[in-house]
Every structure is written in C-alpha cells, then in structure tokens.
Amino acid sequence: MATDRATELKVLRAEEFDGWWEHLVRAFGAGPASAEERELDRSLTDFERSLAVWEGSELVGTGGAFRFRMTVPGGAVLPTAGVTMVSVAATHRRRGVLTSMMRRQLDDVREWGEPLAALTASEPAIYGRFGYAAATFQLQAEIDTSRVTLDVPAGTDGVRVRYAAPAEVLAACEAVYARTVPLRPGMLARQPGWERVALLDPESERDGASALQCVVAERDGEVTGYARFRTRLGWSPSGHDGTVALEDLAAVDPVSDAALWQFLFGIDLMSKLTVRGRPVDDAWQYLVSDIRRCLTRVQDKGYVRLVDVGAALAARTYQTPVDVVLAVEDAFCPWNTGRWRLTGDPKGASCERTTDPAELALSVRELGAAYLGGVSLLSLARAGRVAELRPGALAEASTAFGSPVTPWLPHGF
C-alpha cells in the first residue's frame, strides 16, 4: 500500500549490519545463509561507504561500494568503486529509493577520487539509466568430456599437477592470481580479505556436489597455476555419468593452463565438465577436438560507469594513435557532459575539456561499454548509439579503444 511517509538515506552504522544484511538476503530471495557467510560479508563491508534507506524505523533500501582497483587497457590499475549489495524492499519499488542511493553513491565516488564504478547486475535493465553499460562478458560451457579431447601444447607433460587442500595453498594461488591481474582489462587486484571468498564452502550451496577441491600446477618446484572445483557422482544405465564443476582457474603460462584443463578433462568417473564465468577468449577452446560438444554460451558480466570521464580516459592506453574530440552526454552526472579531446597511443594518453568541434557524439553509457576494449565503438555506432561527426573519426577511435585480449571480471561482488 502506498504511503506518504518520507524516507531518509543514511550511512550504515556497524550495529545496524545484521538487519541490513538480512534485508539484502530477503530482497534477493535467498535462503538461510551460514554464519560463516554473514561474518565474511561483515568483514568485507566498508561501513563508511555503505548506505541504508529508512522509513521511520523500517529499513527499505541498501547499497554499498567496495574499494577496488581494476586493470584497464595498458596495464594500469585504476581505483574503482565496486557497487554492491543494492536492494530495495518490494514494498517500496518505484518510489525513488534506488535513484536516491545511486545519486548519493556517485556523488561520493566522485568525491573519493575514483574515476570508475563497476557492478554485476542481477537485473541488467535497471542500471542503464544511471550510466552503467555491459563492458565485460563471460563464457559458460558444458563439455562432454567423454567425447571431447584436448590437443595440448608441447611441454604440458613437464607440468606436475597435484591435489592440495585449498586453504593450505591459498597464498601460492593468490600469488598466481596477482601475476595475471595486469595482463587483462577488467581484472581486480585482490584487496585484503577477498582471498577468503574463494574458500567459502557452505554445504547448503553444494547442490549435492563434493566439498571444494583444489589442484595446483608446478614447474621446477614453483606453483604456476591452480584449479578449484567440485565433483558430483552420477550413474546412468550405461555406467558412470559424473560432473566436474569448475569454480576457478588461473595460470601464468600456456603449458600450466593446458595441464590444468587436461586434468579436469580426465578425472575418473566423470563425463561432463561445467564451466562458468570464464574469459570469452579462454584458451581451452582452441585445444578441444569438437567445440560444438562444449555447448558454449556468452553472457554479460561486468557493468562499467565512467565517474570522471577525463581521468578515466587518460588512465588507459590505446592500441593505435588517436586524436579525437568526443561530445559526451551524461544526464545523471552532468559534470561529465561536454566536449573532451582525447589524445593517446600505446604509451599513454591525455583527455582534456575543449571548445573544438566535436568529432564523435555519444553518451557516458557507450563510453562505459567501450572503455575496457571489449565492445567496439563501431558496433555501437551501427546500433545508433554513437554518431560520427567527422569522417574517419569512428574507425580511428574504434580501433584505438580495442584490447588485444578480451576484458574479464574474474568474480562477482
């Protein structure tokens, strides 16, 4: 029922966390969560960056922003607000609660000096009006390992793969992950405490599968890769029909990567490997004997918003030289609206306000989509989202904005 009672937006206090978290769980329709999950979420929550909307004594909205650092094209790691834990009570939809939180949050992010904001969207249609756009995508696959084989590169047999307790090799696995962060746009430098998320293993979320398992790849006594996974035993009239569910995999070189995939394809009693949340250009796709039997699917993952257009565009590098004037429209963060001259190349860039004539016109959403190099400006122009005002400017900028590897957000938040 509608009400005339006013809502009030406040910064979250530590003593309010339990109610705030329970509101979030209910809003996402989740079942009971473990005490371990609650405590981990509490430890990662930055209360000064978390918001609560109240109607009297009733909590009706939540939101937060982690302190992240995201790799951008060229390898720089940029301060990024990781927008998270956003919910509105079902009783208070379409009453401006979400808009008020987004307004406050983006003002805060600008004040904190973070040029980017990023999120993973439970409902993608919601965030476009606040300037966010899908900028990274993820690969899903269901591989019939009883019929698909791998042709691994020379040297793979020189990699040792061994089982290890996930917690015991956590530091070594995190060192591998850290080495991969500068190599791909969209990756997040792991902040303290976040390494614990990968080990969270409540039995209620295993869906009949095993506890979390881990193997590490080693070369010359050094850990060069790891895979975390679960197994689910199954039987059919013709025999074993088990499933391996990959949770996480990283490696520092091609042969370590191939050795881990070879292991996953060959686990006894398993005939299927399910893969989720992987880079769209993941190398295993070019090792398999039959890609059709891998049932691949691509889905959106990371949504990016430029909070400070000038700082964000100047922080990355560009594949080819570019000198273009962008007419940017940003209704929600009007400080970005105007003309910007972007000059850059593979070594660096600058982006300053200008009064020169515009050569491309687009909104901040299109900039967010193209920013990490995974969505081309040319494709956006074909969709009517980017206007070319100087002949040749579109092709020049689209090539420059690209990335030699597809951007990837490695985990949710």
Protein backbone atom coordinates (compact mmCIF):
# COMPACT_ATOMS: atom_id res chain seq x y z
CA MET A 1 0.00 0.00 0.00
CA ALA A 2 1.28 3.46 -0.86
CA THR A 3 2.28 5.74 1.98
CA ASP A 4 3.20 9.40 2.36
CA ARG A 5 5.91 8.70 4.92
CA ALA A 6 9.28 10.17 3.96
CA THR A 7 12.41 8.08 3.57
CA GLU A 8 15.83 9.04 4.89
CA LEU A 9 19.18 7.93 3.45
CA LYS A 10 22.00 7.41 5.96
CA VAL A 11 25.47 5.93 6.12
CA LEU A 12 25.34 2.43 7.61
CA ARG A 13 26.42 2.00 11.23
CA ALA A 14 28.19 -1.15 12.38
CA GLU A 15 25.45 -2.03 14.85
CA GLU A 16 22.89 -1.98 12.01
CA PHE A 17 24.70 -4.54 9.90
CA ASP A 18 22.69 -7.64 10.84
CA GLY A 19 19.35 -6.10 9.92
CA TRP A 20 20.86 -4.53 6.80
CA TRP A 21 22.27 -7.89 5.68
CA GLU A 22 19.03 -9.76 6.41
CA HIS A 23 17.12 -7.20 4.34
CA LEU A 24 19.54 -7.82 1.47
CA VAL A 25 19.17 -11.61 1.69
CA ARG A 26 15.37 -11.32 1.64
CA ALA A 27 15.41 -8.89 -1.28
CA PHE A 28 17.40 -11.36 -3.38
CA GLY A 29 15.11 -14.25 -2.46
CA ALA A 30 17.92 -16.26 -0.93
CA GLY A 31 17.50 -18.99 1.63
CA PRO A 32 19.12 -19.05 5.06
CA ALA A 33 22.81 -18.19 4.91
CA SER A 34 25.52 -19.63 7.10
CA ALA A 35 27.13 -17.78 9.98
CA GLU A 36 30.41 -18.04 8.06
CA GLU A 37 28.92 -16.19 5.08
CA ARG A 38 27.48 -13.47 7.30
CA GLU A 39 30.76 -12.94 9.12
CA LEU A 40 32.74 -12.81 5.88
CA ASP A 41 30.36 -10.23 4.42
CA ARG A 42 30.63 -8.19 7.60
CA SER A 43 34.42 -8.26 7.48
CA LEU A 44 34.45 -7.04 3.86
CA THR A 45 31.83 -4.33 4.31
CA ASP A 46 33.15 -0.77 4.46
CA PHE A 47 30.54 0.88 6.68
CA GLU A 48 31.55 4.42 5.68
CA ARG A 49 30.84 3.50 2.05
CA SER A 50 27.56 1.68 2.73
CA LEU A 51 24.09 3.21 2.61
CA ALA A 52 20.79 2.44 4.28
CA VAL A 53 17.42 3.96 3.44
CA TRP A 54 14.96 4.16 6.29
CA GLU A 55 11.25 4.86 6.53
CA GLY A 56 10.97 5.61 10.19
CA SER A 57 12.43 2.53 11.90
CA GLU A 58 11.94 0.32 8.83
CA LEU A 59 14.90 -0.43 6.57
CA VAL A 60 13.75 -0.22 2.95
CA GLY A 61 16.96 0.05 0.89
CA THR A 62 20.63 -0.96 0.95
CA GLY A 63 23.71 -0.19 -1.11
CA GLY A 64 27.48 -0.18 -0.85
CA ALA A 65 30.75 0.39 -2.70
CA PHE A 66 33.89 -1.65 -2.20
CA ARG A 67 37.35 -0.12 -2.67
CA PHE A 68 38.62 -1.95 -5.72
CA ARG A 69 41.45 -1.47 -8.19
CA MET A 70 40.69 -2.57 -11.74
CA THR A 71 43.11 -3.22 -14.58
CA VAL A 72 42.49 -1.02 -17.64
CA PRO A 73 43.99 -1.35 -21.14
CA GLY A 74 47.72 -0.75 -20.90
CA GLY A 75 48.04 -2.46 -17.52
CA ALA A 76 47.36 0.44 -15.14
CA VAL A 77 45.28 -0.49 -12.09
CA LEU A 78 42.65 2.19 -11.51
CA PRO A 79 40.74 2.96 -8.26
CA THR A 80 37.22 1.66 -8.85
CA ALA A 81 34.08 1.71 -6.74
CA GLY A 82 32.67 -1.81 -6.67
CA VAL A 83 28.94 -1.15 -6.38
CA THR A 84 27.36 -3.90 -4.32
CA MET A 85 24.57 -5.07 -2.02
CA VAL A 86 21.97 -2.90 -3.75
CA SER A 87 18.40 -3.74 -2.81
CA VAL A 88 15.03 -2.09 -2.38
CA ALA A 89 12.18 -3.59 -0.37
CA ALA A 90 9.43 -5.00 -2.58
CA THR A 91 7.02 -2.73 -0.67
CA HIS A 92 8.92 0.38 -1.84
CA ARG A 93 9.50 -0.14 -5.55
CA ARG A 94 9.08 2.80 -7.95
CA ARG A 95 9.30 5.37 -5.18
CA GLY A 96 12.74 6.78 -5.91
CA VAL A 97 14.64 4.76 -3.29
CA LEU A 98 17.15 3.33 -5.78
CA THR A 99 17.60 6.65 -7.55
CA SER A 100 18.38 8.38 -4.26
CA MET A 101 21.04 5.78 -3.45
CA MET A 102 22.61 5.97 -6.91
CA ARG A 103 22.66 9.76 -6.72
CA ARG A 104 24.37 9.79 -3.33
CA GLN A 105 26.74 6.99 -4.24
CA LEU A 106 28.03 8.53 -7.48
CA ASP A 107 28.48 11.89 -5.77
CA ASP A 108 30.50 10.10 -3.09
CA VAL A 109 32.58 8.16 -5.63
CA ARG A 110 33.47 11.39 -7.37
CA GLU A 111 34.47 12.95 -4.04
CA TRP A 112 36.59 9.89 -3.21
CA GLY A 113 38.53 10.45 -6.43
CA GLU A 114 37.64 7.12 -8.03
CA PRO A 115 37.25 7.57 -11.81
CA LEU A 116 35.33 4.32 -12.36
CA ALA A 117 32.40 2.47 -10.84
CA ALA A 118 31.60 -1.14 -11.67
CA LEU A 119 28.93 -3.65 -10.74
CA THR A 120 27.44 -7.02 -11.63
CA ALA A 121 23.74 -6.63 -12.36
CA SER A 122 21.10 -9.04 -11.13
CA GLU A 123 18.70 -7.21 -13.47
CA PRO A 124 20.59 -5.53 -16.36
CA ALA A 125 17.68 -3.29 -17.33
CA ILE A 126 17.96 -1.34 -14.07
CA TYR A 127 21.35 0.34 -14.32
CA GLY A 128 21.46 1.87 -17.79
CA ARG A 129 19.61 4.94 -16.65
CA PHE A 130 22.40 5.58 -14.15
CA GLY A 131 25.10 5.42 -16.84
CA TYR A 132 26.29 1.82 -16.50
CA ALA A 133 26.84 -0.45 -19.51
CA ALA A 134 27.95 -4.05 -20.01
CA ALA A 135 31.70 -3.90 -20.62
CA THR A 136 32.84 -7.46 -19.86
CA PHE A 137 31.30 -10.77 -20.80
CA GLN A 138 31.74 -14.31 -19.51
CA LEU A 139 31.89 -17.72 -21.12
CA GLN A 140 29.79 -20.64 -19.93
CA ALA A 141 30.24 -24.19 -21.22
CA GLU A 142 29.02 -27.73 -20.66
CA ILE A 143 31.66 -30.03 -22.09
CA ASP A 144 31.08 -33.67 -22.94
CA THR A 145 34.47 -34.95 -21.78
CA SER A 146 33.56 -38.49 -22.79
CA ARG A 147 33.69 -37.38 -26.44
CA VAL A 148 35.85 -34.23 -26.47
CA THR A 149 39.63 -34.47 -26.25
CA LEU A 150 42.41 -31.91 -25.85
CA ASP A 151 45.42 -31.31 -28.08
CA VAL A 152 47.77 -29.72 -25.56
CA PRO A 153 50.91 -27.73 -26.42
CA ALA A 154 54.41 -29.15 -26.26
CA GLY A 155 55.81 -29.02 -22.73
CA THR A 156 52.50 -29.71 -20.98
CA ASP A 157 53.73 -33.11 -19.78
CA GLY A 158 56.52 -31.32 -17.92
CA VAL A 159 53.99 -29.69 -15.59
CA ARG A 160 53.21 -31.50 -12.35
CA VAL A 161 49.59 -31.36 -11.18
CA ARG A 162 48.89 -32.35 -7.59
CA TYR A 163 45.99 -32.22 -5.17
CA ALA A 164 46.25 -29.76 -2.28
CA ALA A 165 43.97 -28.60 0.49
CA PRO A 166 42.52 -25.26 -0.71
CA ALA A 167 43.45 -23.39 2.46
CA GLU A 168 46.98 -24.77 2.59
CA VAL A 169 47.92 -23.45 -0.86
CA LEU A 170 45.91 -20.25 -0.69
CA ALA A 171 48.94 -17.96 -0.55
CA ALA A 172 50.55 -19.65 -3.55
CA CYS A 173 47.29 -19.46 -5.52
CA GLU A 174 46.90 -15.79 -4.69
CA ALA A 175 50.43 -15.15 -5.96
CA VAL A 176 49.46 -16.78 -9.28
CA TYR A 177 46.30 -14.68 -9.47
CA ALA A 178 48.25 -11.48 -8.75
CA ARG A 179 50.59 -12.22 -11.68
CA THR A 180 47.61 -12.43 -14.04
CA VAL A 181 45.93 -9.18 -12.93
CA PRO A 182 47.95 -6.73 -15.11
CA LEU A 183 47.50 -8.88 -18.21
CA ARG A 184 43.78 -8.46 -18.82
CA PRO A 185 41.48 -5.40 -18.58
CA GLY A 186 38.66 -5.75 -16.08
CA MET A 187 40.59 -7.85 -13.58
CA LEU A 188 40.57 -6.82 -9.94
CA ALA A 189 43.67 -6.57 -7.78
CA ARG A 190 42.70 -8.62 -4.76
CA GLN A 191 42.08 -6.48 -1.68
CA PRO A 192 42.91 -7.90 1.78
CA GLY A 193 40.27 -10.35 2.91
CA TRP A 194 38.93 -11.13 -0.55
CA GLU A 195 41.07 -14.24 -0.83
CA ARG A 196 38.74 -15.83 1.73
CA VAL A 197 35.76 -15.59 -0.63
CA ALA A 198 37.12 -18.31 -2.90
CA LEU A 199 37.30 -20.74 0.04
CA LEU A 200 33.76 -20.16 1.26
CA ASP A 201 32.21 -23.61 1.03
CA PRO A 202 28.85 -23.91 2.81
CA GLU A 203 27.31 -27.34 2.38
CA SER A 204 23.94 -25.72 1.65
CA GLU A 205 25.29 -24.39 -1.66
CA ARG A 206 26.97 -27.55 -2.96
CA ASP A 207 23.78 -28.91 -4.57
CA GLY A 208 24.84 -32.47 -3.91
CA ALA A 209 28.41 -31.97 -5.09
CA SER A 210 31.61 -32.59 -3.15
CA ALA A 211 33.36 -30.15 -0.89
CA LEU A 212 35.66 -27.72 -2.69
CA GLN A 213 38.72 -29.43 -4.14
CA CYS A 214 41.95 -27.90 -5.43
CA VAL A 215 44.89 -28.89 -7.59
CA VAL A 216 48.00 -26.84 -8.27
CA ALA A 217 50.28 -26.90 -11.31
CA GLU A 218 54.01 -26.80 -10.61
CA ARG A 219 57.07 -26.21 -12.78
CA ASP A 220 60.56 -26.52 -11.30
CA GLY A 221 59.04 -26.59 -7.82
CA GLU A 222 57.10 -23.33 -8.31
CA VAL A 223 53.30 -23.10 -8.29
CA THR A 224 52.34 -21.81 -11.74
CA GLY A 225 48.61 -22.40 -11.72
CA TYR A 226 45.64 -23.75 -9.79
CA ALA A 227 42.11 -25.00 -10.29
CA ARG A 228 39.32 -25.16 -7.73
CA PHE A 229 36.39 -27.43 -8.50
CA ARG A 230 33.74 -29.80 -7.22
CA THR A 231 32.66 -33.24 -8.40
CA ARG A 232 29.20 -34.78 -8.45
CA LEU A 233 28.97 -38.53 -8.92
CA GLY A 234 26.24 -39.80 -11.24
CA TRP A 235 25.22 -43.05 -12.86
CA SER A 236 23.18 -43.96 -15.91
CA PRO A 237 22.21 -47.35 -17.37
CA SER A 238 25.41 -47.23 -19.44
CA GLY A 239 27.70 -46.50 -16.49
CA HIS A 240 29.29 -43.55 -14.75
CA ASP A 241 27.95 -40.10 -15.57
CA GLY A 242 29.60 -37.72 -13.11
CA THR A 243 30.12 -33.98 -13.44
CA VAL A 244 33.11 -31.77 -12.67
CA ALA A 245 32.09 -28.19 -11.85
CA LEU A 246 34.95 -25.74 -12.29
CA GLU A 247 34.86 -22.87 -9.81
CA ASP A 248 38.13 -21.03 -10.51
CA LEU A 249 41.29 -21.49 -12.57
CA ALA A 250 44.37 -19.36 -13.19
CA ALA A 251 47.80 -20.00 -14.65
CA VAL A 252 50.84 -17.91 -15.51
CA ASP A 253 51.81 -19.69 -18.75
CA PRO A 254 50.14 -21.71 -21.54
CA VAL A 255 51.50 -25.13 -20.55
CA SER A 256 50.39 -24.79 -16.91
CA ASP A 257 46.97 -23.70 -18.13
CA ALA A 258 46.74 -26.66 -20.50
CA ALA A 259 47.89 -29.11 -17.81
CA LEU A 260 45.07 -27.99 -15.51
CA TRP A 261 42.45 -28.39 -18.23
CA GLN A 262 43.88 -31.78 -19.15
CA PHE A 263 43.49 -32.85 -15.53
CA LEU A 264 39.88 -31.62 -15.38
CA PHE A 265 39.02 -33.50 -18.59
CA GLY A 266 40.44 -36.77 -17.22
CA ILE A 267 39.04 -37.21 -13.72
CA ASP A 268 37.83 -40.78 -13.22
CA LEU A 269 34.06 -41.47 -13.30
CA MET A 270 33.32 -38.01 -14.71
CA SER A 271 31.85 -37.48 -18.19
CA LYS A 272 30.93 -33.80 -18.09
CA LEU A 273 32.75 -30.58 -17.21
CA THR A 274 30.71 -27.46 -16.47
CA VAL A 275 32.45 -24.12 -16.83
CA ARG A 276 31.13 -20.71 -15.84
CA GLY A 277 32.40 -17.18 -15.56
CA ARG A 278 35.43 -17.64 -17.81
CA PRO A 279 37.03 -15.16 -20.26
CA VAL A 280 35.37 -15.17 -23.66
CA ASP A 281 38.75 -15.92 -25.31
CA ASP A 282 39.72 -18.66 -22.81
CA ALA A 283 42.49 -20.74 -24.41
CA TRP A 284 40.94 -24.20 -23.83
CA GLN A 285 38.50 -23.51 -26.69
CA TYR A 286 41.41 -23.76 -29.14
CA LEU A 287 42.63 -27.07 -27.72
CA VAL A 288 39.38 -29.08 -27.92
CA SER A 289 38.62 -31.62 -30.63
CA ASP A 290 34.95 -30.60 -31.03
CA ILE A 291 33.80 -27.16 -29.90
CA ARG A 292 30.18 -27.98 -30.73
CA ARG A 293 30.09 -30.59 -27.97
CA CYS A 294 31.20 -27.94 -25.50
CA LEU A 295 27.86 -26.07 -25.65
CA THR A 296 29.41 -22.63 -25.14
CA ARG A 297 27.37 -19.57 -24.27
CA VAL A 298 28.32 -15.95 -23.69
CA GLN A 299 26.62 -13.79 -21.06
CA ASP A 300 27.08 -10.27 -19.73
CA LYS A 301 29.07 -9.89 -16.52
CA GLY A 302 30.72 -6.59 -15.56
CA TYR A 303 28.99 -3.21 -15.93
CA VAL A 304 31.20 -0.11 -16.01
CA ARG A 305 30.46 3.56 -15.46
CA LEU A 306 32.88 6.44 -16.02
CA VAL A 307 32.53 8.72 -13.00
CA ASP A 308 35.26 11.09 -14.17
CA VAL A 309 35.45 10.97 -17.97
CA GLY A 310 38.71 12.89 -18.26
CA ALA A 311 40.61 10.93 -15.62
CA ALA A 312 39.29 7.56 -16.78
CA LEU A 313 40.12 8.05 -20.46
CA ALA A 314 43.57 9.42 -19.63
CA ALA A 315 44.39 6.45 -17.37
CA ARG A 316 44.35 3.81 -20.10
CA THR A 317 46.42 3.43 -23.25
CA TYR A 318 45.20 2.99 -26.83
CA GLN A 319 46.09 0.33 -29.40
CA THR A 320 46.80 2.86 -32.13
CA PRO A 321 47.34 6.64 -32.11
CA VAL A 322 44.11 8.56 -31.63
CA ASP A 323 43.25 12.25 -31.55
CA VAL A 324 39.51 12.80 -31.38
CA VAL A 325 37.04 15.24 -29.83
CA LEU A 326 34.20 13.47 -28.02
CA ALA A 327 30.86 15.15 -27.32
CA VAL A 328 29.73 13.32 -24.17
CA GLU A 329 26.22 13.37 -22.73
CA ASP A 330 25.72 12.39 -19.09
CA ALA A 331 22.36 13.34 -17.65
CA PHE A 332 22.90 11.65 -14.28
CA CYS A 333 26.43 13.01 -13.66
CA PRO A 334 26.32 16.33 -15.54
CA TRP A 335 29.93 17.20 -14.66
CA ASN A 336 30.92 14.81 -17.46
CA THR A 337 28.77 16.45 -20.12
CA GLY A 338 30.65 18.42 -22.74
CA ARG A 339 33.42 18.12 -25.29
CA TRP A 340 36.63 16.26 -24.48
CA ARG A 341 39.77 15.98 -26.60
CA LEU A 342 41.27 12.53 -26.24
CA THR A 343 44.85 12.11 -27.44
CA GLY A 344 46.58 8.79 -26.92
CA ASP A 345 48.66 5.90 -28.18
CA PRO A 346 50.15 2.66 -26.76
CA LYS A 347 52.40 4.66 -24.42
CA GLY A 348 49.87 6.94 -22.73
CA ALA A 349 47.03 9.41 -23.12
CA SER A 350 45.54 12.75 -22.11
CA CYS A 351 41.92 13.83 -22.06
CA GLU A 352 41.01 17.46 -21.52
CA ARG A 353 37.98 19.68 -22.00
CA THR A 354 37.95 21.58 -25.26
CA THR A 355 35.89 24.02 -27.28
CA ASP A 356 36.96 22.40 -30.57
CA PRO A 357 34.23 20.95 -32.80
CA ALA A 358 33.01 17.52 -31.81
CA GLU A 359 34.01 14.55 -33.99
CA LEU A 360 32.10 11.77 -32.24
CA ALA A 361 28.94 12.11 -30.15
CA LEU A 362 27.93 9.52 -27.57
CA SER A 363 26.64 9.13 -24.04
CA VAL A 364 28.60 8.04 -20.99
CA ARG A 365 26.97 4.60 -21.34
CA GLU A 366 28.67 3.98 -24.67
CA LEU A 367 31.98 5.12 -23.19
CA GLY A 368 31.48 2.64 -20.35
CA ALA A 369 30.74 -0.21 -22.77
CA ALA A 370 33.83 0.52 -24.89
CA TYR A 371 36.17 1.56 -22.09
CA LEU A 372 37.84 -1.79 -21.40
CA GLY A 373 38.12 -2.70 -25.08
CA GLY A 374 35.51 -5.46 -25.20
CA VAL A 375 32.78 -3.59 -27.11
CA SER A 376 33.69 -1.67 -30.25
CA LEU A 377 32.58 1.89 -30.89
CA LEU A 378 31.88 0.82 -34.46
CA SER A 379 29.36 -1.77 -33.25
CA LEU A 380 27.72 0.81 -31.02
CA ALA A 381 27.51 3.20 -33.97
CA ARG A 382 25.77 0.51 -36.03
CA ALA A 383 23.22 0.31 -33.23
CA GLY A 384 22.69 4.07 -33.47
CA ARG A 385 24.44 4.75 -30.16
CA VAL A 386 27.45 6.67 -31.48
CA ALA A 387 27.32 9.45 -34.11
CA GLU A 388 30.28 10.18 -36.36
CA LEU A 389 30.63 13.93 -36.93
CA ARG A 390 33.98 13.86 -38.76
CA PRO A 391 34.51 11.24 -41.49
CA GLY A 392 37.09 8.71 -40.37
CA ALA A 393 36.86 9.55 -36.68
CA LEU A 394 34.79 6.49 -35.85
CA ALA A 395 37.16 3.93 -37.38
CA GLU A 396 40.16 5.66 -35.82
CA ALA A 397 38.67 5.73 -32.33
CA SER A 398 37.13 2.25 -32.54
CA THR A 399 40.46 0.64 -33.40
CA ALA A 400 42.28 2.63 -30.73
CA PHE A 401 39.82 1.68 -27.97
CA GLY A 402 40.24 -2.07 -28.62
CA SER A 403 42.13 -4.58 -26.49
CA PRO A 404 44.29 -7.48 -27.70
CA VAL A 405 42.70 -9.71 -25.04
CA THR A 406 39.06 -9.62 -24.09
CA PRO A 407 38.30 -7.89 -20.78
CA TRP A 408 37.15 -10.12 -17.95
CA LEU A 409 35.77 -9.57 -14.47
CA PRO A 410 37.03 -12.62 -12.59
CA HIS A 411 34.49 -12.75 -9.76
CA GLY A 412 31.31 -11.19 -8.54
CA PHE A 413 30.86 -8.89 -5.59
